[in-house]
Amino acid sequence: MLLPLQLRSATGTLTFVSTVTVFGTPHDITLQELAIESFFAADEFTAAELARLVTQPARN
């Protein structure tokens, strides 16, 4: 399943797609409820903004 997510920021709208991965089978009780949600940039603007944020020094 793919879910779009749009966030308004000071620099513009950031667009992501979200994927949810579920592990396990009904027979494996330890993995039955384990799920990982990941967000990926859905367009070039979002990817560029994230890259810019990663390279910026941290603010206190």
PDB file of N, CA and C in Angstrom:
ATOM      1  N   MET A   1       0.837  -1.160   0.000  1.00  0.00           N
ATOM      2  CA  MET A   1       0.000   0.000   0.000  1.00  0.00           C
ATOM      3  C   MET A   1       0.893   1.238   0.000  1.00  0.00           C
ATOM      4  N   LEU A   2       0.575   2.216  -0.821  1.00  0.00           N
ATOM      5  CA  LEU A   2       1.279   3.488  -0.878  1.00  0.00           C
ATOM      6  C   LEU A   2       0.353   4.597  -0.423  1.00  0.00           C
ATOM      7  N   LEU A   3       0.819   5.403   0.517  1.00  0.00           N
ATOM      8  CA  LEU A   3       0.028   6.509   1.027  1.00  0.00           C
ATOM      9  C   LEU A   3       0.777   7.812   0.807  1.00  0.00           C
ATOM     10  N   PRO A   4       0.186   8.792   0.108  1.00  0.00           N
ATOM     11  CA  PRO A   4       0.870  10.081  -0.078  1.00  0.00           C
ATOM     12  C   PRO A   4       0.761  10.937   1.187  1.00  0.00           C
ATOM     13  N   LEU A   5       1.780  11.736   1.444  1.00  0.00           N
ATOM     14  CA  LEU A   5       1.796  12.648   2.585  1.00  0.00           C
ATOM     15  C   LEU A   5       2.371  13.970   2.112  1.00  0.00           C
ATOM     16  N   GLN A   6       1.660  15.060   2.351  1.00  0.00           N
ATOM     17  CA  GLN A   6       2.160  16.378   1.990  1.00  0.00           C
ATOM     18  C   GLN A   6       2.253  17.225   3.258  1.00  0.00           C
ATOM     19  N   LEU A   7       3.408  17.867   3.442  1.00  0.00           N
ATOM     20  CA  LEU A   7       3.654  18.734   4.592  1.00  0.00           C
ATOM     21  C   LEU A   7       4.022  20.122   4.089  1.00  0.00           C
ATOM     22  N   ARG A   8       3.369  21.138   4.615  1.00  0.00           N
ATOM     23  CA  ARG A   8       3.740  22.507   4.259  1.00  0.00           C
ATOM     24  C   ARG A   8       4.910  22.951   5.132  1.00  0.00           C
ATOM     25  N   SER A   9       5.915  23.514   4.501  1.00  0.00           N
ATOM     26  CA  SER A   9       7.065  24.024   5.243  1.00  0.00           C
ATOM     27  C   SER A   9       7.316  25.464   4.818  1.00  0.00           C
ATOM     28  N   ALA A  10       8.274  26.098   5.452  1.00  0.00           N
ATOM     29  CA  ALA A  10       8.613  27.479   5.110  1.00  0.00           C
ATOM     30  C   ALA A  10       9.148  27.595   3.685  1.00  0.00           C
ATOM     31  N   THR A  11       9.714  26.523   3.163  1.00  0.00           N
ATOM     32  CA  THR A  11      10.299  26.558   1.820  1.00  0.00           C
ATOM     33  C   THR A  11       9.361  26.032   0.743  1.00  0.00           C
ATOM     34  N   GLY A  12       8.240  25.429   1.122  1.00  0.00           N
ATOM     35  CA  GLY A  12       7.286  24.901   0.140  1.00  0.00           C
ATOM     36  C   GLY A  12       6.674  23.604   0.631  1.00  0.00           C
ATOM     37  N   THR A  13       5.927  22.953  -0.229  1.00  0.00           N
ATOM     38  CA  THR A  13       5.254  21.708   0.130  1.00  0.00           C
ATOM     39  C   THR A  13       6.180  20.519  -0.091  1.00  0.00           C
ATOM     40  N   LEU A  14       6.380  19.741   0.954  1.00  0.00           N
ATOM     41  CA  LEU A  14       7.190  18.523   0.871  1.00  0.00           C
ATOM     42  C   LEU A  14       6.242  17.350   0.663  1.00  0.00           C
ATOM     43  N   THR A  15       6.530  16.521  -0.334  1.00  0.00           N
ATOM     44  CA  THR A  15       5.651  15.410  -0.666  1.00  0.00           C
ATOM     45  C   THR A  15       6.395  14.095  -0.469  1.00  0.00           C
ATOM     46  N   PHE A  16       5.771  13.194   0.271  1.00  0.00           N
ATOM     47  CA  PHE A  16       6.362  11.893   0.576  1.00  0.00           C
ATOM     48  C   PHE A  16       5.379  10.790   0.195  1.00  0.00           C
ATOM     49  N   VAL A  17       5.924   9.608  -0.023  1.00  0.00           N
ATOM     50  CA  VAL A  17       5.103   8.408  -0.108  1.00  0.00           C
ATOM     51  C   VAL A  17       5.504   7.536   1.070  1.00  0.00           C
ATOM     52  N   SER A  18       4.535   6.868   1.612  1.00  0.00           N
ATOM     53  CA  SER A  18       4.745   6.029   2.773  1.00  0.00           C
ATOM     54  C   SER A  18       4.461   4.588   2.402  1.00  0.00           C
ATOM     55  N   THR A  19       5.318   3.696   2.843  1.00  0.00           N
ATOM     56  CA  THR A  19       5.066   2.278   2.657  1.00  0.00           C
ATOM     57  C   THR A  19       5.085   1.609   4.026  1.00  0.00           C
ATOM     58  N   VAL A  20       4.262   0.617   4.184  1.00  0.00           N
ATOM     59  CA  VAL A  20       4.218  -0.147   5.425  1.00  0.00           C
ATOM     60  C   VAL A  20       4.548  -1.594   5.084  1.00  0.00           C
ATOM     61  N   THR A  21       5.552  -2.121   5.752  1.00  0.00           N
ATOM     62  CA  THR A  21       5.953  -3.508   5.559  1.00  0.00           C
ATOM     63  C   THR A  21       5.597  -4.287   6.821  1.00  0.00           C
ATOM     64  N   VAL A  22       4.886  -5.381   6.638  1.00  0.00           N
ATOM     65  CA  VAL A  22       4.479  -6.224   7.765  1.00  0.00           C
ATOM     66  C   VAL A  22       5.214  -7.552   7.650  1.00  0.00           C
ATOM     67  N   PHE A  23       5.827  -7.971   8.735  1.00  0.00           N
ATOM     68  CA  PHE A  23       6.601  -9.205   8.765  1.00  0.00           C
ATOM     69  C   PHE A  23       5.827 -10.301   9.479  1.00  0.00           C
ATOM     70  N   GLY A  24       6.131 -11.516   9.152  1.00  0.00           N
ATOM     71  CA  GLY A  24       5.586 -12.634   9.905  1.00  0.00           C
ATOM     72  C   GLY A  24       4.358 -13.271   9.281  1.00  0.00           C
ATOM     73  N   THR A  25       3.962 -14.331   9.898  1.00  0.00           N
ATOM     74  CA  THR A  25       2.767 -15.073   9.501  1.00  0.00           C
ATOM     75  C   THR A  25       1.924 -15.288  10.748  1.00  0.00           C
ATOM     76  N   PRO A  26       0.667 -15.681  10.606  1.00  0.00           N
ATOM     77  CA  PRO A  26      -0.152 -15.920  11.793  1.00  0.00           C
ATOM     78  C   PRO A  26       0.418 -16.981  12.731  1.00  0.00           C
ATOM     79  N   HIS A  27       1.314 -17.822  12.244  1.00  0.00           N
ATOM     80  CA  HIS A  27       1.892 -18.883  13.063  1.00  0.00           C
ATOM     81  C   HIS A  27       3.097 -18.410  13.869  1.00  0.00           C
ATOM     82  N   ASP A  28       3.632 -17.232  13.534  1.00  0.00           N
ATOM     83  CA  ASP A  28       4.819 -16.713  14.213  1.00  0.00           C
ATOM     84  C   ASP A  28       4.399 -15.567  15.130  1.00  0.00           C
ATOM     85  N   ILE A  29       4.165 -15.846  16.371  1.00  0.00           N
ATOM     86  CA  ILE A  29       3.612 -14.880  17.315  1.00  0.00           C
ATOM     87  C   ILE A  29       4.558 -13.707  17.563  1.00  0.00           C
ATOM     88  N   THR A  30       5.878 -13.908  17.480  1.00  0.00           N
ATOM     89  CA  THR A  30       6.818 -12.818  17.760  1.00  0.00           C
ATOM     90  C   THR A  30       6.850 -11.796  16.642  1.00  0.00           C
ATOM     91  N   LEU A  31       6.560 -12.196  15.415  1.00  0.00           N
ATOM     92  CA  LEU A  31       6.585 -11.268  14.288  1.00  0.00           C
ATOM     93  C   LEU A  31       5.194 -10.863  13.823  1.00  0.00           C
ATOM     94  N   GLN A  32       4.175 -11.395  14.425  1.00  0.00           N
ATOM     95  CA  GLN A  32       2.816 -11.200  13.948  1.00  0.00           C
ATOM     96  C   GLN A  32       2.409  -9.726  13.867  1.00  0.00           C
ATOM     97  N   GLU A  33       2.826  -8.916  14.827  1.00  0.00           N
ATOM     98  CA  GLU A  33       2.395  -7.521  14.859  1.00  0.00           C
ATOM     99  C   GLU A  33       3.514  -6.542  14.518  1.00  0.00           C
ATOM    100  N   LEU A  34       4.648  -7.014  14.033  1.00  0.00           N
ATOM    101  CA  LEU A  34       5.757  -6.137  13.678  1.00  0.00           C
ATOM    102  C   LEU A  34       5.506  -5.491  12.328  1.00  0.00           C
ATOM    103  N   ALA A  35       5.572  -4.157  12.282  1.00  0.00           N
ATOM    104  CA  ALA A  35       5.400  -3.416  11.032  1.00  0.00           C
ATOM    105  C   ALA A  35       6.394  -2.257  11.019  1.00  0.00           C
ATOM    106  N   ILE A  36       6.926  -1.959   9.855  1.00  0.00           N
ATOM    107  CA  ILE A  36       7.867  -0.851   9.699  1.00  0.00           C
ATOM    108  C   ILE A  36       7.285   0.107   8.661  1.00  0.00           C
ATOM    109  N   GLU A  37       7.167   1.391   9.027  1.00  0.00           N
ATOM    110  CA  GLU A  37       6.679   2.400   8.089  1.00  0.00           C
ATOM    111  C   GLU A  37       7.864   3.239   7.641  1.00  0.00           C
ATOM    112  N   SER A  38       8.000   3.420   6.344  1.00  0.00           N
ATOM    113  CA  SER A  38       9.100   4.187   5.764  1.00  0.00           C
ATOM    114  C   SER A  38       8.532   5.309   4.902  1.00  0.00           C
ATOM    115  N   PHE A  39       9.204   6.449   4.921  1.00  0.00           N
ATOM    116  CA  PHE A  39       8.796   7.587   4.109  1.00  0.00           C
ATOM    117  C   PHE A  39       9.893   7.890   3.104  1.00  0.00           C
ATOM    118  N   PHE A  40       9.500   8.145   1.851  1.00  0.00           N
ATOM    119  CA  PHE A  40      10.426   8.438   0.766  1.00  0.00           C
ATOM    120  C   PHE A  40       9.981   9.718   0.069  1.00  0.00           C
ATOM    121  N   ALA A  41      10.943  10.515  -0.385  1.00  0.00           N
ATOM    122  CA  ALA A  41      10.616  11.734  -1.134  1.00  0.00           C
ATOM    123  C   ALA A  41       9.894  11.344  -2.421  1.00  0.00           C
ATOM    124  N   ALA A  42       8.783  12.031  -2.696  1.00  0.00           N
ATOM    125  CA  ALA A  42       7.970  11.695  -3.864  1.00  0.00           C
ATOM    126  C   ALA A  42       8.290  12.562  -5.073  1.00  0.00           C
ATOM    127  N   ASP A  43       9.087  13.608  -4.878  1.00  0.00           N
ATOM    128  CA  ASP A  43       9.439  14.469  -6.008  1.00  0.00           C
ATOM    129  C   ASP A  43      10.840  15.053  -5.807  1.00  0.00           C
ATOM    130  N   GLU A  44      11.339  15.689  -6.854  1.00  0.00           N
ATOM    131  CA  GLU A  44      12.706  16.238  -6.812  1.00  0.00           C
ATOM    132  C   GLU A  44      12.845  17.375  -5.801  1.00  0.00           C
ATOM    133  N   PHE A  45      11.811  18.216  -5.671  1.00  0.00           N
ATOM    134  CA  PHE A  45      11.876  19.322  -4.716  1.00  0.00           C
ATOM    135  C   PHE A  45      12.051  18.802  -3.292  1.00  0.00           C
ATOM    136  N   THR A  46      11.270  17.805  -2.921  1.00  0.00           N
ATOM    137  CA  THR A  46      11.360  17.231  -1.579  1.00  0.00           C
ATOM    138  C   THR A  46      12.725  16.596  -1.355  1.00  0.00           C
ATOM    139  N   ALA A  47      13.217  15.858  -2.323  1.00  0.00           N
ATOM    140  CA  ALA A  47      14.536  15.223  -2.200  1.00  0.00           C
ATOM    141  C   ALA A  47      15.628  16.278  -2.026  1.00  0.00           C
ATOM    142  N   ALA A  48      15.549  17.364  -2.791  1.00  0.00           N
ATOM    143  CA  ALA A  48      16.558  18.430  -2.694  1.00  0.00           C
ATOM    144  C   ALA A  48      16.476  19.125  -1.335  1.00  0.00           C
ATOM    145  N   GLU A  49      15.270  19.382  -0.843  1.00  0.00           N
ATOM    146  CA  GLU A  49      15.107  20.027   0.465  1.00  0.00           C
ATOM    147  C   GLU A  49      15.641  19.145   1.589  1.00  0.00           C
ATOM    148  N   LEU A  50      15.366  17.856   1.526  1.00  0.00           N
ATOM    149  CA  LEU A  50      15.883  16.945   2.549  1.00  0.00           C
ATOM    150  C   LEU A  50      17.407  16.880   2.511  1.00  0.00           C
ATOM    151  N   ALA A  51      17.976  16.844   1.315  1.00  0.00           N
ATOM    152  CA  ALA A  51      19.441  16.836   1.190  1.00  0.00           C
ATOM    153  C   ALA A  51      20.030  18.123   1.754  1.00  0.00           C
ATOM    154  N   ARG A  52      19.378  19.250   1.500  1.00  0.00           N
ATOM    155  CA  ARG A  52      19.852  20.533   2.026  1.00  0.00           C
ATOM    156  C   ARG A  52      19.786  20.550   3.558  1.00  0.00           C
ATOM    157  N   LEU A  53      18.697  20.023   4.124  1.00  0.00           N
ATOM    158  CA  LEU A  53      18.554  19.981   5.583  1.00  0.00           C
ATOM    159  C   LEU A  53      19.592  19.083   6.243  1.00  0.00           C
ATOM    160  N   VAL A  54      19.935  18.000   5.584  1.00  0.00           N
ATOM    161  CA  VAL A  54      20.912  17.067   6.140  1.00  0.00           C
ATOM    162  C   VAL A  54      22.297  17.705   6.208  1.00  0.00           C
ATOM    163  N   THR A  55      22.613  18.550   5.240  1.00  0.00           N
ATOM    164  CA  THR A  55      23.947  19.160   5.191  1.00  0.00           C
ATOM    165  C   THR A  55      24.050  20.443   6.008  1.00  0.00           C
ATOM    166  N   GLN A  56      22.925  20.970   6.499  1.00  0.00           N
ATOM    167  CA  GLN A  56      22.951  22.179   7.326  1.00  0.00           C
ATOM    168  C   GLN A  56      23.471  21.862   8.728  1.00  0.00           C
ATOM    169  N   PRO A  57      24.214  22.789   9.324  1.00  0.00           N
ATOM    170  CA  PRO A  57      24.610  22.594  10.719  1.00  0.00           C
ATOM    171  C   PRO A  57      23.375  22.626  11.627  1.00  0.00           C
ATOM    172  N   ALA A  58      23.430  21.891  12.715  1.00  0.00           N
ATOM    173  CA  ALA A  58      22.310  21.844  13.662  1.00  0.00           C
ATOM    174  C   ALA A  58      22.158  23.173  14.375  1.00  0.00           C
ATOM    175  N   ARG A  59      20.897  23.572  14.604  1.00  0.00           N
ATOM    176  CA  ARG A  59      20.616  24.805  15.349  1.00  0.00           C
ATOM    177  C   ARG A  59      20.354  24.456  16.799  1.00  0.00           C
ATOM    178  N   ASN A  60      20.805  25.308  17.697  1.00  0.00           N
ATOM    179  CA  ASN A  60      20.552  25.088  19.143  1.00  0.00           C
ATOM    180  C   ASN A  60      19.359  25.841  19.601  1.00  0.00           C
TER     181      ASN A  60
END
